[in-house]
Amino acid sequence: MKIHFILINLVQLIEIFNSSMIRMFSDYSCKYTLNDNSQVNLSSLRRNVDYTFQIGRYSYKANFCGTLQERCPSSAAPAAIFIQSKILLNLDNICFNHVSSDWGDTKLQYIDDNSPSKGLKLSLPPGDMCFFGGGKFNLIYLLECDMTVDAQLIQVTKKQMCDYEFKFKTKSACQANFEKSSSLSSKGILLALIALFSIYCLGFFLKNYRENPEDGVMKALPHREFWSNFIENANYGLKVILRYTKNKLKVNDSASGYTNY
């Protein structure tokens, strides 16, 4: 009997360790761009205690931006079905179905493109095999806009044998909390600058090498003298800026009558 309980505790420790490793090394994103360029950040919906909806002996648990907080064996599942049982393995809640496998490949869109005020629909990756339906479990989070509610799981619906719908009310699904992305993002600007610099280097290199092939490859590099003196020029420019800033501060202090003792 003692060996039986030791094995049970050992299994539980292994499951907790696996879940902890999954949480530690998973990098989940909760930022989405909708088809109208609105940017939505759902990270505020992450909870230290999972959202729970109870139907009889079954507990439907969900979370955002990563795995469930409650232990669910060897899985990065953001949602799962638990069953209450104090007979099997002496556990209160047993996680017996992952209705989604991972948060990493979630997709966000409007519930209705013609009526964005209704809220958002979040499609999660498929979960465990659904033996009765012959496929895998599928899950959708419906996020209804409600500016009076931070976040609440209000309904769980079994649409088909293996398809579930978890309905939330949250202000995070309201357009007033969205951000409009600019046409030129910082990432886009950086990529454009890299592309221009690459074209500049390649273009001048080909031009110089074609005009003076006898000079070799190194001399064909564009503005070789400029780049060889780049550090010295940058250092000089920095000194000029610092000197100008220091003089400007002195002028402002004199004008305000402030004396530094």
C-alpha atoms as a PDB file:
ATOM      1  CA  MET A   1       0.000   0.000   0.000  1.00  0.00           C
ATOM      2  CA  LYS A   2       2.850   2.372   0.841  1.00  0.00           C
ATOM      3  CA  ILE A   3       4.491   1.649  -2.522  1.00  0.00           C
ATOM      4  CA  HIS A   4       1.190   2.524  -4.215  1.00  0.00           C
ATOM      5  CA  PHE A   5       1.068   5.984  -2.593  1.00  0.00           C
ATOM      6  CA  ILE A   6       4.787   6.556  -3.274  1.00  0.00           C
ATOM      7  CA  LEU A   7       4.212   5.844  -6.974  1.00  0.00           C
ATOM      8  CA  ILE A   8       1.221   8.194  -7.050  1.00  0.00           C
ATOM      9  CA  ASN A   9       3.247  11.008  -5.438  1.00  0.00           C
ATOM     10  CA  LEU A  10       6.136  10.343  -7.823  1.00  0.00           C
ATOM     11  CA  VAL A  11       3.821  10.596 -10.845  1.00  0.00           C
ATOM     12  CA  GLN A  12       2.386  13.863  -9.507  1.00  0.00           C
ATOM     13  CA  LEU A  13       5.883  15.316  -9.010  1.00  0.00           C
ATOM     14  CA  ILE A  14       6.879  14.366 -12.558  1.00  0.00           C
ATOM     15  CA  GLU A  15       3.731  15.970 -13.962  1.00  0.00           C
ATOM     16  CA  ILE A  16       4.303  19.177 -11.970  1.00  0.00           C
ATOM     17  CA  PHE A  17       7.926  19.302 -13.152  1.00  0.00           C
ATOM     18  CA  ASN A  18       6.907  18.788 -16.798  1.00  0.00           C
ATOM     19  CA  SER A  19       4.253  21.499 -16.581  1.00  0.00           C
ATOM     20  CA  SER A  20       6.723  23.900 -14.955  1.00  0.00           C
ATOM     21  CA  MET A  21       9.300  23.287 -17.696  1.00  0.00           C
ATOM     22  CA  ILE A  22       6.683  23.882 -20.380  1.00  0.00           C
ATOM     23  CA  ARG A  23       5.685  27.200 -18.773  1.00  0.00           C
ATOM     24  CA  MET A  24       9.292  28.262 -18.251  1.00  0.00           C
ATOM     25  CA  PHE A  25      10.518  27.713 -21.813  1.00  0.00           C
ATOM     26  CA  SER A  26       7.386  28.714 -23.732  1.00  0.00           C
ATOM     27  CA  ASP A  27       7.217  32.201 -25.198  1.00  0.00           C
ATOM     28  CA  TYR A  28       3.588  33.108 -25.793  1.00  0.00           C
ATOM     29  CA  SER A  29       2.384  36.178 -27.588  1.00  0.00           C
ATOM     30  CA  CYS A  30      -0.913  37.876 -26.781  1.00  0.00           C
ATOM     31  CA  LYS A  31      -0.694  40.668 -29.329  1.00  0.00           C
ATOM     32  CA  TYR A  32      -2.750  40.476 -32.509  1.00  0.00           C
ATOM     33  CA  THR A  33      -3.412  42.599 -35.564  1.00  0.00           C
ATOM     34  CA  LEU A  34      -6.941  42.438 -36.965  1.00  0.00           C
ATOM     35  CA  ASN A  35      -7.878  42.773 -40.629  1.00  0.00           C
ATOM     36  CA  ASP A  36      -8.594  46.507 -40.188  1.00  0.00           C
ATOM     37  CA  ASN A  37      -5.086  47.044 -38.702  1.00  0.00           C
ATOM     38  CA  SER A  38      -6.444  47.380 -35.170  1.00  0.00           C
ATOM     39  CA  GLN A  39      -3.991  46.037 -32.602  1.00  0.00           C
ATOM     40  CA  VAL A  40      -5.294  44.003 -29.677  1.00  0.00           C
ATOM     41  CA  ASN A  41      -3.337  42.987 -26.591  1.00  0.00           C
ATOM     42  CA  LEU A  42      -4.975  40.241 -24.515  1.00  0.00           C
ATOM     43  CA  SER A  43      -2.172  39.897 -21.940  1.00  0.00           C
ATOM     44  CA  SER A  44      -4.360  41.560 -19.275  1.00  0.00           C
ATOM     45  CA  LEU A  45      -6.667  38.520 -19.432  1.00  0.00           C
ATOM     46  CA  ARG A  46      -3.985  36.201 -18.032  1.00  0.00           C
ATOM     47  CA  ARG A  47      -4.971  35.005 -14.540  1.00  0.00           C
ATOM     48  CA  ASN A  48      -3.151  33.405 -11.609  1.00  0.00           C
ATOM     49  CA  VAL A  49      -6.289  31.344 -10.998  1.00  0.00           C
ATOM     50  CA  ASP A  50      -7.850  29.712 -14.070  1.00  0.00           C
ATOM     51  CA  TYR A  51     -11.263  30.763 -15.339  1.00  0.00           C
ATOM     52  CA  THR A  52     -13.671  27.970 -14.369  1.00  0.00           C
ATOM     53  CA  PHE A  53     -17.160  27.038 -15.479  1.00  0.00           C
ATOM     54  CA  GLN A  54     -18.850  24.160 -13.638  1.00  0.00           C
ATOM     55  CA  ILE A  55     -21.384  21.790 -15.209  1.00  0.00           C
ATOM     56  CA  GLY A  56     -22.201  18.906 -12.863  1.00  0.00           C
ATOM     57  CA  ARG A  57     -19.031  16.932 -12.127  1.00  0.00           C
ATOM     58  CA  TYR A  58     -17.203  18.610 -15.013  1.00  0.00           C
ATOM     59  CA  SER A  59     -15.049  21.701 -14.629  1.00  0.00           C
ATOM     60  CA  TYR A  60     -14.135  23.589 -17.786  1.00  0.00           C
ATOM     61  CA  LYS A  61     -10.960  25.566 -17.162  1.00  0.00           C
ATOM     62  CA  ALA A  62      -9.339  28.166 -19.364  1.00  0.00           C
ATOM     63  CA  ASN A  63      -6.634  30.797 -19.372  1.00  0.00           C
ATOM     64  CA  PHE A  64      -4.941  33.217 -21.742  1.00  0.00           C
ATOM     65  CA  CYS A  65      -1.432  33.781 -23.044  1.00  0.00           C
ATOM     66  CA  GLY A  66      -0.050  30.404 -22.031  1.00  0.00           C
ATOM     67  CA  THR A  67      -0.803  27.264 -20.089  1.00  0.00           C
ATOM     68  CA  LEU A  68      -3.352  26.566 -17.416  1.00  0.00           C
ATOM     69  CA  GLN A  69      -2.307  27.346 -13.865  1.00  0.00           C
ATOM     70  CA  GLU A  70      -3.844  24.126 -12.553  1.00  0.00           C
ATOM     71  CA  ARG A  71      -1.732  21.076 -13.202  1.00  0.00           C
ATOM     72  CA  CYS A  72      -2.669  19.246 -16.388  1.00  0.00           C
ATOM     73  CA  PRO A  73      -0.281  16.323 -17.092  1.00  0.00           C
ATOM     74  CA  SER A  74       2.574  16.975 -19.536  1.00  0.00           C
ATOM     75  CA  SER A  75       0.758  19.625 -21.517  1.00  0.00           C
ATOM     76  CA  ALA A  76       0.960  23.268 -22.484  1.00  0.00           C
ATOM     77  CA  ALA A  77      -2.836  23.353 -22.804  1.00  0.00           C
ATOM     78  CA  PRO A  78      -4.519  26.737 -22.223  1.00  0.00           C
ATOM     79  CA  ALA A  79      -7.869  24.988 -21.713  1.00  0.00           C
ATOM     80  CA  ALA A  80      -8.989  21.582 -20.480  1.00  0.00           C
ATOM     81  CA  ILE A  81     -11.852  19.574 -19.031  1.00  0.00           C
ATOM     82  CA  PHE A  82     -11.541  18.312 -15.457  1.00  0.00           C
ATOM     83  CA  ILE A  83     -13.699  15.772 -13.697  1.00  0.00           C
ATOM     84  CA  GLN A  84     -14.337  15.572  -9.970  1.00  0.00           C
ATOM     85  CA  SER A  85     -13.417  12.211  -8.499  1.00  0.00           C
ATOM     86  CA  LYS A  86     -12.196  11.301  -5.030  1.00  0.00           C
ATOM     87  CA  ILE A  87     -12.041   7.616  -5.827  1.00  0.00           C
ATOM     88  CA  LEU A  88      -9.628   7.457  -8.748  1.00  0.00           C
ATOM     89  CA  LEU A  89      -6.046   8.117  -7.586  1.00  0.00           C
ATOM     90  CA  ASN A  90      -7.432   9.988  -4.569  1.00  0.00           C
ATOM     91  CA  LEU A  91      -7.562  13.245  -6.533  1.00  0.00           C
ATOM     92  CA  ASP A  92     -10.259  15.958  -6.362  1.00  0.00           C
ATOM     93  CA  ASN A  93      -9.927  17.126  -9.976  1.00  0.00           C
ATOM     94  CA  ILE A  94      -8.550  15.006 -12.783  1.00  0.00           C
ATOM     95  CA  CYS A  95      -7.597  16.620 -16.076  1.00  0.00           C
ATOM     96  CA  PHE A  96      -8.813  14.111 -18.654  1.00  0.00           C
ATOM     97  CA  ASN A  97      -9.109  16.114 -21.884  1.00  0.00           C
ATOM     98  CA  HIS A  98      -7.063  18.967 -23.338  1.00  0.00           C
ATOM     99  CA  VAL A  99      -9.520  20.780 -25.592  1.00  0.00           C
ATOM    100  CA  SER A 100      -6.584  22.768 -26.937  1.00  0.00           C
ATOM    101  CA  SER A 101      -2.940  21.743 -27.122  1.00  0.00           C
ATOM    102  CA  ASP A 102      -1.013  25.018 -27.019  1.00  0.00           C
ATOM    103  CA  TRP A 103      -1.418  28.787 -27.093  1.00  0.00           C
ATOM    104  CA  GLY A 104       1.262  29.420 -29.684  1.00  0.00           C
ATOM    105  CA  ASP A 105      -0.865  29.243 -32.858  1.00  0.00           C
ATOM    106  CA  THR A 106      -3.975  31.161 -31.802  1.00  0.00           C
ATOM    107  CA  LYS A 107      -5.838  33.314 -34.336  1.00  0.00           C
ATOM    108  CA  LEU A 108      -7.930  36.381 -33.496  1.00  0.00           C
ATOM    109  CA  GLN A 109     -10.686  37.969 -35.605  1.00  0.00           C
ATOM    110  CA  TYR A 110     -13.988  39.790 -35.220  1.00  0.00           C
ATOM    111  CA  ILE A 111     -17.053  37.707 -34.380  1.00  0.00           C
ATOM    112  CA  ASP A 112     -18.751  39.628 -37.185  1.00  0.00           C
ATOM    113  CA  ASP A 113     -16.698  41.751 -39.594  1.00  0.00           C
ATOM    114  CA  ASN A 114     -19.808  43.808 -40.358  1.00  0.00           C
ATOM    115  CA  SER A 115     -20.414  44.499 -36.669  1.00  0.00           C
ATOM    116  CA  PRO A 116     -17.055  44.808 -34.830  1.00  0.00           C
ATOM    117  CA  SER A 117     -18.778  46.016 -31.668  1.00  0.00           C
ATOM    118  CA  LYS A 118     -19.972  42.448 -30.969  1.00  0.00           C
ATOM    119  CA  GLY A 119     -16.491  41.411 -29.936  1.00  0.00           C
ATOM    120  CA  LEU A 120     -13.756  38.981 -30.926  1.00  0.00           C
ATOM    121  CA  LYS A 121     -13.341  35.315 -31.777  1.00  0.00           C
ATOM    122  CA  LEU A 122     -10.148  33.537 -30.766  1.00  0.00           C
ATOM    123  CA  SER A 123      -9.445  30.182 -32.444  1.00  0.00           C
ATOM    124  CA  LEU A 124      -7.096  27.885 -30.530  1.00  0.00           C
ATOM    125  CA  PRO A 125      -5.018  24.959 -31.847  1.00  0.00           C
ATOM    126  CA  PRO A 126      -6.676  21.494 -31.771  1.00  0.00           C
ATOM    127  CA  GLY A 127      -6.424  19.492 -28.565  1.00  0.00           C
ATOM    128  CA  ASP A 128      -6.430  15.777 -27.717  1.00  0.00           C
ATOM    129  CA  MET A 129      -7.930  13.087 -29.908  1.00  0.00           C
ATOM    130  CA  CYS A 130     -11.699  12.999 -29.640  1.00  0.00           C
ATOM    131  CA  PHE A 131     -12.492   9.296 -29.865  1.00  0.00           C
ATOM    132  CA  PHE A 132     -16.252   9.743 -30.283  1.00  0.00           C
ATOM    133  CA  GLY A 133     -15.892  12.173 -33.161  1.00  0.00           C
ATOM    134  CA  GLY A 134     -12.945  10.605 -34.927  1.00  0.00           C
ATOM    135  CA  GLY A 135     -10.853  13.790 -34.894  1.00  0.00           C
ATOM    136  CA  LYS A 136      -9.409  16.196 -32.364  1.00  0.00           C
ATOM    137  CA  PHE A 137     -11.048  18.563 -29.924  1.00  0.00           C
ATOM    138  CA  ASN A 138     -11.553  22.083 -31.262  1.00  0.00           C
ATOM    139  CA  LEU A 139     -12.016  25.186 -29.167  1.00  0.00           C
ATOM    140  CA  ILE A 140     -13.047  28.789 -29.760  1.00  0.00           C
ATOM    141  CA  TYR A 141     -13.047  31.613 -27.224  1.00  0.00           C
ATOM    142  CA  LEU A 142     -15.841  34.108 -27.886  1.00  0.00           C
ATOM    143  CA  LEU A 143     -14.915  37.446 -26.302  1.00  0.00           C
ATOM    144  CA  GLU A 144     -18.008  39.616 -26.065  1.00  0.00           C
ATOM    145  CA  CYS A 145     -17.528  43.336 -25.555  1.00  0.00           C
ATOM    146  CA  ASP A 146     -18.641  44.579 -22.148  1.00  0.00           C
ATOM    147  CA  MET A 147     -16.978  47.713 -20.790  1.00  0.00           C
ATOM    148  CA  THR A 148     -18.283  46.984 -17.274  1.00  0.00           C
ATOM    149  CA  VAL A 149     -16.497  43.612 -16.940  1.00  0.00           C
ATOM    150  CA  ASP A 150     -12.765  43.050 -16.706  1.00  0.00           C
ATOM    151  CA  ALA A 151     -13.058  39.390 -17.715  1.00  0.00           C
ATOM    152  CA  GLN A 152     -15.497  36.596 -16.906  1.00  0.00           C
ATOM    153  CA  LEU A 153     -16.176  33.121 -18.310  1.00  0.00           C
ATOM    154  CA  ILE A 154     -19.976  33.078 -18.584  1.00  0.00           C
ATOM    155  CA  GLN A 155     -20.826  30.048 -20.707  1.00  0.00           C
ATOM    156  CA  VAL A 156     -19.470  26.784 -22.120  1.00  0.00           C
ATOM    157  CA  THR A 157     -21.217  25.314 -25.148  1.00  0.00           C
ATOM    158  CA  LYS A 158     -20.649  21.972 -26.827  1.00  0.00           C
ATOM    159  CA  LYS A 159     -21.362  22.849 -30.464  1.00  0.00           C
ATOM    160  CA  GLN A 160     -20.718  19.330 -31.766  1.00  0.00           C
ATOM    161  CA  MET A 161     -19.279  16.112 -30.369  1.00  0.00           C
ATOM    162  CA  CYS A 162     -15.720  17.468 -30.315  1.00  0.00           C
ATOM    163  CA  ASP A 163     -16.211  21.230 -30.775  1.00  0.00           C
ATOM    164  CA  TYR A 164     -16.444  23.563 -27.796  1.00  0.00           C
ATOM    165  CA  GLU A 165     -17.106  27.266 -27.400  1.00  0.00           C
ATOM    166  CA  PHE A 166     -16.059  29.182 -24.266  1.00  0.00           C
ATOM    167  CA  LYS A 167     -17.846  32.530 -24.003  1.00  0.00           C
ATOM    168  CA  PHE A 168     -16.287  35.426 -22.066  1.00  0.00           C
ATOM    169  CA  LYS A 169     -17.419  38.939 -21.297  1.00  0.00           C
ATOM    170  CA  THR A 170     -14.552  41.418 -21.225  1.00  0.00           C
ATOM    171  CA  LYS A 171     -13.737  45.047 -21.913  1.00  0.00           C
ATOM    172  CA  SER A 172     -10.614  43.863 -23.760  1.00  0.00           C
ATOM    173  CA  ALA A 173     -12.877  42.912 -26.678  1.00  0.00           C
ATOM    174  CA  CYS A 174     -14.232  46.461 -27.063  1.00  0.00           C
ATOM    175  CA  GLN A 175     -12.975  48.682 -29.882  1.00  0.00           C
ATOM    176  CA  ALA A 176     -12.376  51.536 -27.437  1.00  0.00           C
ATOM    177  CA  ASN A 177      -9.418  49.530 -26.080  1.00  0.00           C
ATOM    178  CA  PHE A 178      -7.882  48.738 -29.463  1.00  0.00           C
ATOM    179  CA  GLU A 179      -4.938  50.580 -30.981  1.00  0.00           C
ATOM    180  CA  LYS A 180      -4.593  51.477 -34.620  1.00  0.00           C
ATOM    181  CA  SER A 181      -1.287  50.362 -36.081  1.00  0.00           C
ATOM    182  CA  SER A 182       0.593  52.936 -38.118  1.00  0.00           C
ATOM    183  CA  SER A 183       1.348  52.207 -41.743  1.00  0.00           C
ATOM    184  CA  LEU A 184       5.074  52.369 -40.956  1.00  0.00           C
ATOM    185  CA  SER A 185       6.036  50.302 -37.942  1.00  0.00           C
ATOM    186  CA  SER A 186       9.502  50.448 -36.371  1.00  0.00           C
ATOM    187  CA  LYS A 187      10.172  46.957 -37.717  1.00  0.00           C
ATOM    188  CA  GLY A 188       9.140  48.028 -41.217  1.00  0.00           C
ATOM    189  CA  ILE A 189      11.380  51.105 -41.086  1.00  0.00           C
ATOM    190  CA  LEU A 190      14.338  48.999 -39.943  1.00  0.00           C
ATOM    191  CA  LEU A 191      13.815  46.497 -42.759  1.00  0.00           C
ATOM    192  CA  ALA A 192      13.559  49.336 -45.288  1.00  0.00           C
ATOM    193  CA  LEU A 193      16.831  50.864 -44.058  1.00  0.00           C
ATOM    194  CA  ILE A 194      18.580  47.485 -44.232  1.00  0.00           C
ATOM    195  CA  ALA A 195      17.283  46.982 -47.785  1.00  0.00           C
ATOM    196  CA  LEU A 196      18.452  50.462 -48.866  1.00  0.00           C
ATOM    197  CA  PHE A 197      21.880  49.933 -47.321  1.00  0.00           C
ATOM    198  CA  SER A 198      22.220  46.554 -49.063  1.00  0.00           C
ATOM    199  CA  ILE A 199      21.276  48.086 -52.425  1.00  0.00           C
ATOM    200  CA  TYR A 200      23.750  50.923 -51.830  1.00  0.00           C
ATOM    201  CA  CYS A 201      26.619  48.537 -51.043  1.00  0.00           C
ATOM    202  CA  LEU A 202      25.888  46.135 -53.893  1.00  0.00           C
ATOM    203  CA  GLY A 203      25.230  48.854 -56.462  1.00  0.00           C
ATOM    204  CA  PHE A 204      28.419  50.848 -55.792  1.00  0.00           C
ATOM    205  CA  PHE A 205      30.488  47.665 -55.524  1.00  0.00           C
ATOM    206  CA  LEU A 206      29.383  46.474 -58.976  1.00  0.00           C
ATOM    207  CA  LYS A 207      29.887  49.955 -60.451  1.00  0.00           C
ATOM    208  CA  ASN A 208      33.397  50.354 -59.030  1.00  0.00           C
ATOM    209  CA  TYR A 209      34.471  46.834 -59.953  1.00  0.00           C
ATOM    210  CA  ARG A 210      33.189  47.175 -63.528  1.00  0.00           C
ATOM    211  CA  GLU A 211      34.985  50.508 -64.046  1.00  0.00           C
ATOM    212  CA  ASN A 212      38.275  49.435 -62.397  1.00  0.00           C
ATOM    213  CA  PRO A 213      38.523  45.622 -62.291  1.00  0.00           C
ATOM    214  CA  GLU A 214      42.294  45.801 -61.891  1.00  0.00           C
ATOM    215  CA  ASP A 215      41.891  47.411 -58.426  1.00  0.00           C
ATOM    216  CA  GLY A 216      40.478  44.165 -57.025  1.00  0.00           C
ATOM    217  CA  VAL A 217      37.553  43.439 -54.724  1.00  0.00           C
ATOM    218  CA  MET A 218      38.577  45.445 -51.645  1.00  0.00           C
ATOM    219  CA  LYS A 219      39.056  48.698 -53.534  1.00  0.00           C
ATOM    220  CA  ALA A 220      35.689  48.201 -55.209  1.00  0.00           C
ATOM    221  CA  LEU A 221      33.859  48.608 -51.890  1.00  0.00           C
ATOM    222  CA  PRO A 222      31.765  51.807 -51.894  1.00  0.00           C
ATOM    223  CA  HIS A 223      33.353  54.854 -50.238  1.00  0.00           C
ATOM    224  CA  ARG A 224      36.046  52.727 -48.635  1.00  0.00           C
ATOM    225  CA  GLU A 225      37.859  55.770 -47.222  1.00  0.00           C
ATOM    226  CA  PHE A 226      34.678  57.011 -45.518  1.00  0.00           C
ATOM    227  CA  TRP A 227      33.956  53.701 -43.792  1.00  0.00           C
ATOM    228  CA  SER A 228      37.566  53.269 -42.705  1.00  0.00           C
ATOM    229  CA  ASN A 229      37.316  56.639 -40.914  1.00  0.00           C
ATOM    230  CA  PHE A 230      33.751  56.092 -39.705  1.00  0.00           C
ATOM    231  CA  ILE A 231      34.618  55.539 -36.025  1.00  0.00           C
ATOM    232  CA  GLU A 232      36.794  58.632 -35.923  1.00  0.00           C
ATOM    233  CA  ASN A 233      34.116  60.731 -37.632  1.00  0.00           C
ATOM    234  CA  ALA A 234      31.385  59.410 -35.307  1.00  0.00           C
ATOM    235  CA  ASN A 235      33.517  60.179 -32.242  1.00  0.00           C
ATOM    236  CA  TYR A 236      34.134  63.732 -33.471  1.00  0.00           C
ATOM    237  CA  GLY A 237      30.406  64.247 -34.166  1.00  0.00           C
ATOM    238  CA  LEU A 238      29.516  63.039 -30.661  1.00  0.00           C
ATOM    239  CA  LYS A 239      31.965  65.485 -29.084  1.00  0.00           C
ATOM    240  CA  VAL A 240      30.458  68.364 -31.093  1.00  0.00           C
ATOM    241  CA  ILE A 241      26.927  67.436 -29.954  1.00  0.00           C
ATOM    242  CA  LEU A 242      27.982  67.181 -26.301  1.00  0.00           C
ATOM    243  CA  ARG A 243      29.783  70.520 -26.464  1.00  0.00           C
ATOM    244  CA  TYR A 244      26.761  72.188 -28.052  1.00  0.00           C
ATOM    245  CA  THR A 245      24.391  70.689 -25.446  1.00  0.00           C
ATOM    246  CA  LYS A 246      26.623  71.786 -22.569  1.00  0.00           C
ATOM    247  CA  ASN A 247      26.810  75.357 -23.878  1.00  0.00           C
ATOM    248  CA  LYS A 248      23.042  75.426 -24.396  1.00  0.00           C
ATOM    249  CA  LEU A 249      22.467  74.375 -20.777  1.00  0.00           C
ATOM    250  CA  LYS A 250      24.798  77.132 -19.553  1.00  0.00           C
ATOM    251  CA  VAL A 251      22.863  79.731 -21.550  1.00  0.00           C
ATOM    252  CA  ASN A 252      19.526  78.511 -20.134  1.00  0.00           C
ATOM    253  CA  ASP A 253      20.856  78.540 -16.551  1.00  0.00           C
ATOM    254  CA  SER A 254      22.102  82.108 -16.984  1.00  0.00           C
ATOM    255  CA  ALA A 255      18.777  83.239 -18.394  1.00  0.00           C
ATOM    256  CA  SER A 256      16.826  81.713 -15.495  1.00  0.00           C
ATOM    257  CA  GLY A 257      19.164  83.234 -12.892  1.00  0.00           C
ATOM    258  CA  TYR A 258      20.104  79.798 -11.527  1.00  0.00           C
ATOM    259  CA  THR A 259      23.603  79.477 -10.042  1.00  0.00           C
ATOM    260  CA  ASN A 260      25.181  76.108  -9.469  1.00  0.00           C
ATOM    261  CA  TYR A 261      27.350  76.122  -6.297  1.00  0.00           C
END
